[in-house]
Amino acid sequence: MDWILQPWPWYVSGPLIALVMFLLIMLGKGFGMSSNLRTLCTICGAGKKVDFFKFDWKAQKWNLIVVFGVSIGGYIGANFLSVDTTVNIDADTISQLKTLGFDSVGTAYLPTELFATMVFSDIKGIFLLIIGGFFVGFGARYAGGCTSGHAISGLSNLQTPSLIAVIGFFIGGLLMVHFLFPLIF
């Protein structure tokens, strides 16, 4: 039973992802989490105000099951299938992050300075959440999908725009971590 509490090796999880993508391609379906946000907004009536949300959301309701499954699976994985949720981070990285004010690094899965509920009582934290949410939403809309949609589904379909988007995601991530992140914190 201990094997289930350990991360699955690449040779198990990789083929499972490939199998899911093969089945989605054969069924003519795409995968991506940002499309679910569009579906949820449409269900809530956003199509009455914005043309982007005017589409047949019922054709995408299968994708809502993916959101439900990811949410439930994440909860089960984090609360029942994880023995230790700390991330093994290089000592130099821990030292650098602690100089930026992240005291929980190396002891928690996510830095509590960014992801605990106390962030809502800090004006800087709320501002960063709003700006970050805007950039993520704008980026997903501008790129025609999110990181999971392009990197998993788009690349599986050999789509050149997805390759360009994934390259852009990596470049943006590197710029953020090495240049903007130290300026913000």
C-alpha atoms as a PDB file:
ATOM      1  CA  MET A   1       0.000   0.000   0.000  1.00  0.00           C
ATOM      2  CA  ASP A   2       2.989   2.347   0.449  1.00  0.00           C
ATOM      3  CA  TRP A   3       3.433   2.491  -3.336  1.00  0.00           C
ATOM      4  CA  ILE A   4       0.185   4.415  -3.711  1.00  0.00           C
ATOM      5  CA  LEU A   5       1.433   7.167  -1.367  1.00  0.00           C
ATOM      6  CA  GLN A   6       4.500   7.843  -3.517  1.00  0.00           C
ATOM      7  CA  PRO A   7       4.540   9.939  -6.708  1.00  0.00           C
ATOM      8  CA  TRP A   8       3.919   7.759  -9.728  1.00  0.00           C
ATOM      9  CA  PRO A   9       6.963   7.275 -11.948  1.00  0.00           C
ATOM     10  CA  TRP A  10       7.013   8.824 -15.403  1.00  0.00           C
ATOM     11  CA  TYR A  11       6.665   5.431 -17.095  1.00  0.00           C
ATOM     12  CA  VAL A  12       3.230   5.006 -15.479  1.00  0.00           C
ATOM     13  CA  SER A  13       1.827   8.544 -15.506  1.00  0.00           C
ATOM     14  CA  GLY A  14       3.205   9.475 -18.956  1.00  0.00           C
ATOM     15  CA  PRO A  15       1.476   6.627 -20.829  1.00  0.00           C
ATOM     16  CA  LEU A  16      -1.744   7.325 -18.890  1.00  0.00           C
ATOM     17  CA  ILE A  17      -1.692  10.945 -20.071  1.00  0.00           C
ATOM     18  CA  ALA A  18      -0.930   9.738 -23.607  1.00  0.00           C
ATOM     19  CA  LEU A  19      -3.862   7.297 -23.440  1.00  0.00           C
ATOM     20  CA  VAL A  20      -6.254  10.047 -22.322  1.00  0.00           C
ATOM     21  CA  MET A  21      -5.025  12.348 -25.088  1.00  0.00           C
ATOM     22  CA  PHE A  22      -5.364   9.559 -27.669  1.00  0.00           C
ATOM     23  CA  LEU A  23      -8.961   8.952 -26.592  1.00  0.00           C
ATOM     24  CA  LEU A  24      -9.769  12.683 -26.704  1.00  0.00           C
ATOM     25  CA  ILE A  25      -8.264  13.018 -30.190  1.00  0.00           C
ATOM     26  CA  MET A  26     -10.208   9.992 -31.410  1.00  0.00           C
ATOM     27  CA  LEU A  27     -13.414  11.519 -29.997  1.00  0.00           C
ATOM     28  CA  GLY A  28     -12.623  14.883 -31.595  1.00  0.00           C
ATOM     29  CA  LYS A  29     -12.312  16.622 -28.228  1.00  0.00           C
ATOM     30  CA  GLY A  30      -9.735  19.080 -26.919  1.00  0.00           C
ATOM     31  CA  PHE A  31      -8.473  19.484 -23.384  1.00  0.00           C
ATOM     32  CA  GLY A  32      -7.836  22.652 -21.444  1.00  0.00           C
ATOM     33  CA  MET A  33      -8.927  24.202 -18.185  1.00  0.00           C
ATOM     34  CA  SER A  34      -9.503  27.776 -19.403  1.00  0.00           C
ATOM     35  CA  SER A  35     -12.249  26.588 -21.744  1.00  0.00           C
ATOM     36  CA  ASN A  36     -14.133  25.464 -18.645  1.00  0.00           C
ATOM     37  CA  LEU A  37     -14.112  29.015 -17.310  1.00  0.00           C
ATOM     38  CA  ARG A  38     -15.700  30.132 -20.570  1.00  0.00           C
ATOM     39  CA  THR A  39     -18.321  27.393 -20.217  1.00  0.00           C
ATOM     40  CA  LEU A  40     -19.072  28.368 -16.602  1.00  0.00           C
ATOM     41  CA  CYS A  41     -19.395  32.044 -17.555  1.00  0.00           C
ATOM     42  CA  THR A  42     -21.773  31.109 -20.360  1.00  0.00           C
ATOM     43  CA  ILE A  43     -23.892  28.989 -18.013  1.00  0.00           C
ATOM     44  CA  CYS A  44     -24.098  31.980 -15.659  1.00  0.00           C
ATOM     45  CA  GLY A  45     -25.432  34.216 -18.454  1.00  0.00           C
ATOM     46  CA  ALA A  46     -22.352  36.071 -19.693  1.00  0.00           C
ATOM     47  CA  GLY A  47     -23.519  35.467 -23.271  1.00  0.00           C
ATOM     48  CA  LYS A  48     -26.181  38.124 -22.772  1.00  0.00           C
ATOM     49  CA  LYS A  49     -23.470  40.784 -22.491  1.00  0.00           C
ATOM     50  CA  VAL A  50     -20.435  39.525 -24.436  1.00  0.00           C
ATOM     51  CA  ASP A  51     -20.450  37.731 -27.799  1.00  0.00           C
ATOM     52  CA  PHE A  52     -17.430  35.582 -26.835  1.00  0.00           C
ATOM     53  CA  PHE A  53     -19.669  33.716 -24.388  1.00  0.00           C
ATOM     54  CA  LYS A  54     -22.398  33.027 -26.960  1.00  0.00           C
ATOM     55  CA  PHE A  55     -21.848  29.382 -27.843  1.00  0.00           C
ATOM     56  CA  ASP A  56     -23.422  25.977 -27.259  1.00  0.00           C
ATOM     57  CA  TRP A  57     -22.037  25.231 -23.799  1.00  0.00           C
ATOM     58  CA  LYS A  58     -23.936  21.934 -23.667  1.00  0.00           C
ATOM     59  CA  ALA A  59     -21.494  20.538 -26.215  1.00  0.00           C
ATOM     60  CA  GLN A  60     -18.733  21.231 -23.642  1.00  0.00           C
ATOM     61  CA  LYS A  61     -20.448  19.848 -20.554  1.00  0.00           C
ATOM     62  CA  TRP A  62     -18.239  16.762 -20.670  1.00  0.00           C
ATOM     63  CA  ASN A  63     -15.317  19.094 -19.979  1.00  0.00           C
ATOM     64  CA  LEU A  64     -16.975  20.246 -16.747  1.00  0.00           C
ATOM     65  CA  ILE A  65     -16.580  16.676 -15.517  1.00  0.00           C
ATOM     66  CA  VAL A  66     -12.836  17.170 -16.001  1.00  0.00           C
ATOM     67  CA  VAL A  67     -12.922  20.206 -13.674  1.00  0.00           C
ATOM     68  CA  PHE A  68     -14.880  18.233 -11.102  1.00  0.00           C
ATOM     69  CA  GLY A  69     -12.478  15.286 -11.410  1.00  0.00           C
ATOM     70  CA  VAL A  70      -9.391  17.473 -11.107  1.00  0.00           C
ATOM     71  CA  SER A  71     -10.821  19.183  -8.026  1.00  0.00           C
ATOM     72  CA  ILE A  72     -11.824  15.949  -6.304  1.00  0.00           C
ATOM     73  CA  GLY A  73      -8.645  14.163  -7.393  1.00  0.00           C
ATOM     74  CA  GLY A  74      -6.471  17.009  -6.130  1.00  0.00           C
ATOM     75  CA  TYR A  75      -8.246  16.972  -2.778  1.00  0.00           C
ATOM     76  CA  ILE A  76      -7.924  13.194  -2.427  1.00  0.00           C
ATOM     77  CA  GLY A  77      -4.279  13.292  -3.505  1.00  0.00           C
ATOM     78  CA  ALA A  78      -3.354  16.087  -1.120  1.00  0.00           C
ATOM     79  CA  ASN A  79      -5.300  14.855   1.900  1.00  0.00           C
ATOM     80  CA  PHE A  80      -5.281  11.059   1.643  1.00  0.00           C
ATOM     81  CA  LEU A  81      -2.507   9.960  -0.716  1.00  0.00           C
ATOM     82  CA  SER A  82       0.322  12.220   0.421  1.00  0.00           C
ATOM     83  CA  VAL A  83       2.599  11.398   3.305  1.00  0.00           C
ATOM     84  CA  ASP A  84       4.851  14.447   3.044  1.00  0.00           C
ATOM     85  CA  THR A  85       3.794  17.457   0.995  1.00  0.00           C
ATOM     86  CA  THR A  86       6.996  19.453   1.342  1.00  0.00           C
ATOM     87  CA  VAL A  87       8.921  20.066  -1.843  1.00  0.00           C
ATOM     88  CA  ASN A  88      12.560  19.049  -2.058  1.00  0.00           C
ATOM     89  CA  ILE A  89      14.237  22.332  -3.022  1.00  0.00           C
ATOM     90  CA  ASP A  90      17.924  23.068  -3.446  1.00  0.00           C
ATOM     91  CA  ALA A  91      19.522  24.717  -0.398  1.00  0.00           C
ATOM     92  CA  ASP A  92      20.670  27.732  -2.465  1.00  0.00           C
ATOM     93  CA  THR A  93      17.123  28.303  -3.721  1.00  0.00           C
ATOM     94  CA  ILE A  94      15.773  28.078  -0.163  1.00  0.00           C
ATOM     95  CA  SER A  95      18.355  30.625   0.954  1.00  0.00           C
ATOM     96  CA  GLN A  96      17.483  33.024  -1.880  1.00  0.00           C
ATOM     97  CA  LEU A  97      13.743  32.746  -1.233  1.00  0.00           C
ATOM     98  CA  LYS A  98      14.226  33.323   2.496  1.00  0.00           C
ATOM     99  CA  THR A  99      16.074  36.566   1.729  1.00  0.00           C
ATOM    100  CA  LEU A 100      12.944  37.611  -0.211  1.00  0.00           C
ATOM    101  CA  GLY A 101      10.786  36.959   2.873  1.00  0.00           C
ATOM    102  CA  PHE A 102       9.528  33.430   2.205  1.00  0.00           C
ATOM    103  CA  ASP A 103      10.144  31.782   5.567  1.00  0.00           C
ATOM    104  CA  SER A 104       7.923  28.764   4.834  1.00  0.00           C
ATOM    105  CA  VAL A 105       9.963  27.633   1.821  1.00  0.00           C
ATOM    106  CA  GLY A 106      11.168  24.065   2.189  1.00  0.00           C
ATOM    107  CA  THR A 107       8.623  23.316   4.922  1.00  0.00           C
ATOM    108  CA  ALA A 108       5.362  23.606   2.979  1.00  0.00           C
ATOM    109  CA  TYR A 109       4.105  22.575  -0.436  1.00  0.00           C
ATOM    110  CA  LEU A 110       3.189  26.161  -1.320  1.00  0.00           C
ATOM    111  CA  PRO A 111       4.646  29.259   0.319  1.00  0.00           C
ATOM    112  CA  THR A 112       2.161  30.355   2.970  1.00  0.00           C
ATOM    113  CA  GLU A 113       3.232  33.953   2.380  1.00  0.00           C
ATOM    114  CA  LEU A 114       1.433  33.769  -0.990  1.00  0.00           C
ATOM    115  CA  PHE A 115      -1.213  31.091  -0.572  1.00  0.00           C
ATOM    116  CA  ALA A 116      -2.509  31.265   3.008  1.00  0.00           C
ATOM    117  CA  THR A 117      -5.741  33.078   3.835  1.00  0.00           C
ATOM    118  CA  MET A 118      -3.718  35.846   5.490  1.00  0.00           C
ATOM    119  CA  VAL A 119      -2.895  37.155   2.004  1.00  0.00           C
ATOM    120  CA  PHE A 120      -6.420  38.629   1.892  1.00  0.00           C
ATOM    121  CA  SER A 121      -5.644  40.930   4.803  1.00  0.00           C
ATOM    122  CA  ASP A 122      -2.619  42.445   3.054  1.00  0.00           C
ATOM    123  CA  ILE A 123      -3.240  45.151   0.436  1.00  0.00           C
ATOM    124  CA  LYS A 124      -0.106  44.142  -1.497  1.00  0.00           C
ATOM    125  CA  GLY A 125      -1.282  40.506  -1.580  1.00  0.00           C
ATOM    126  CA  ILE A 126      -4.742  41.447  -2.806  1.00  0.00           C
ATOM    127  CA  PHE A 127      -3.254  43.734  -5.449  1.00  0.00           C
ATOM    128  CA  LEU A 128      -0.914  40.978  -6.680  1.00  0.00           C
ATOM    129  CA  LEU A 129      -3.800  38.490  -6.836  1.00  0.00           C
ATOM    130  CA  ILE A 130      -5.925  40.886  -8.902  1.00  0.00           C
ATOM    131  CA  ILE A 131      -3.099  41.820 -11.276  1.00  0.00           C
ATOM    132  CA  GLY A 132      -1.984  38.179 -11.582  1.00  0.00           C
ATOM    133  CA  GLY A 133      -5.543  37.035 -12.272  1.00  0.00           C
ATOM    134  CA  PHE A 134      -5.940  39.701 -14.932  1.00  0.00           C
ATOM    135  CA  PHE A 135      -2.707  38.701 -16.660  1.00  0.00           C
ATOM    136  CA  VAL A 136      -3.539  34.993 -16.544  1.00  0.00           C
ATOM    137  CA  GLY A 137      -7.045  35.590 -17.889  1.00  0.00           C
ATOM    138  CA  PHE A 138      -5.840  37.958 -20.601  1.00  0.00           C
ATOM    139  CA  GLY A 139      -2.991  35.623 -21.541  1.00  0.00           C
ATOM    140  CA  ALA A 140      -5.224  32.561 -21.768  1.00  0.00           C
ATOM    141  CA  ARG A 141      -7.711  34.459 -23.934  1.00  0.00           C
ATOM    142  CA  TYR A 142      -5.024  36.036 -26.127  1.00  0.00           C
ATOM    143  CA  ALA A 143      -3.184  32.718 -26.580  1.00  0.00           C
ATOM    144  CA  GLY A 144      -6.419  30.884 -27.327  1.00  0.00           C
ATOM    145  CA  GLY A 145      -6.051  28.578 -24.338  1.00  0.00           C
ATOM    146  CA  CYS A 146      -4.200  27.866 -21.132  1.00  0.00           C
ATOM    147  CA  THR A 147      -0.918  26.114 -20.430  1.00  0.00           C
ATOM    148  CA  SER A 148      -2.526  22.700 -20.007  1.00  0.00           C
ATOM    149  CA  GLY A 149      -4.553  23.068 -23.174  1.00  0.00           C
ATOM    150  CA  HIS A 150      -1.608  24.087 -25.325  1.00  0.00           C
ATOM    151  CA  ALA A 151       1.099  21.963 -23.710  1.00  0.00           C
ATOM    152  CA  ILE A 152      -0.901  18.751 -23.457  1.00  0.00           C
ATOM    153  CA  SER A 153      -3.699  18.888 -26.007  1.00  0.00           C
ATOM    154  CA  GLY A 154      -2.256  21.292 -28.568  1.00  0.00           C
ATOM    155  CA  LEU A 155       1.159  19.670 -28.753  1.00  0.00           C
ATOM    156  CA  SER A 156      -0.482  16.223 -28.921  1.00  0.00           C
ATOM    157  CA  ASN A 157      -2.321  17.457 -32.008  1.00  0.00           C
ATOM    158  CA  LEU A 158       0.953  18.855 -33.434  1.00  0.00           C
ATOM    159  CA  GLN A 159      -0.455  22.394 -33.578  1.00  0.00           C
ATOM    160  CA  THR A 160       2.158  25.031 -34.389  1.00  0.00           C
ATOM    161  CA  PRO A 161       0.303  27.793 -32.469  1.00  0.00           C
ATOM    162  CA  SER A 162       0.448  25.609 -29.349  1.00  0.00           C
ATOM    163  CA  LEU A 163       4.190  25.125 -29.772  1.00  0.00           C
ATOM    164  CA  ILE A 164       4.634  28.900 -30.045  1.00  0.00           C
ATOM    165  CA  ALA A 165       2.384  29.438 -26.997  1.00  0.00           C
ATOM    166  CA  VAL A 166       4.315  26.881 -24.910  1.00  0.00           C
ATOM    167  CA  ILE A 167       7.626  28.511 -25.835  1.00  0.00           C
ATOM    168  CA  GLY A 168       6.093  31.857 -24.815  1.00  0.00           C
ATOM    169  CA  PHE A 169       4.894  30.381 -21.495  1.00  0.00           C
ATOM    170  CA  PHE A 170       8.407  29.187 -20.684  1.00  0.00           C
ATOM    171  CA  ILE A 171      10.047  32.465 -21.669  1.00  0.00           C
ATOM    172  CA  GLY A 172       7.461  34.399 -19.638  1.00  0.00           C
ATOM    173  CA  GLY A 173       7.998  32.130 -16.637  1.00  0.00           C
ATOM    174  CA  LEU A 174      11.760  32.546 -16.788  1.00  0.00           C
ATOM    175  CA  LEU A 175      11.465  36.327 -17.089  1.00  0.00           C
ATOM    176  CA  MET A 176       9.051  36.441 -14.170  1.00  0.00           C
ATOM    177  CA  VAL A 177      11.153  34.296 -11.850  1.00  0.00           C
ATOM    178  CA  HIS A 178      14.530  35.846 -12.646  1.00  0.00           C
ATOM    179  CA  PHE A 179      13.619  39.519 -13.155  1.00  0.00           C
ATOM    180  CA  LEU A 180      10.144  40.542 -11.937  1.00  0.00           C
ATOM    181  CA  PHE A 181       9.763  38.269  -8.912  1.00  0.00           C
ATOM    182  CA  PRO A 182      12.801  39.727  -7.089  1.00  0.00           C
ATOM    183  CA  LEU A 183      11.550  43.261  -7.834  1.00  0.00           C
ATOM    184  CA  ILE A 184       8.100  42.519  -6.404  1.00  0.00           C
ATOM    185  CA  PHE A 185       9.384  40.858  -3.252  1.00  0.00           C
END
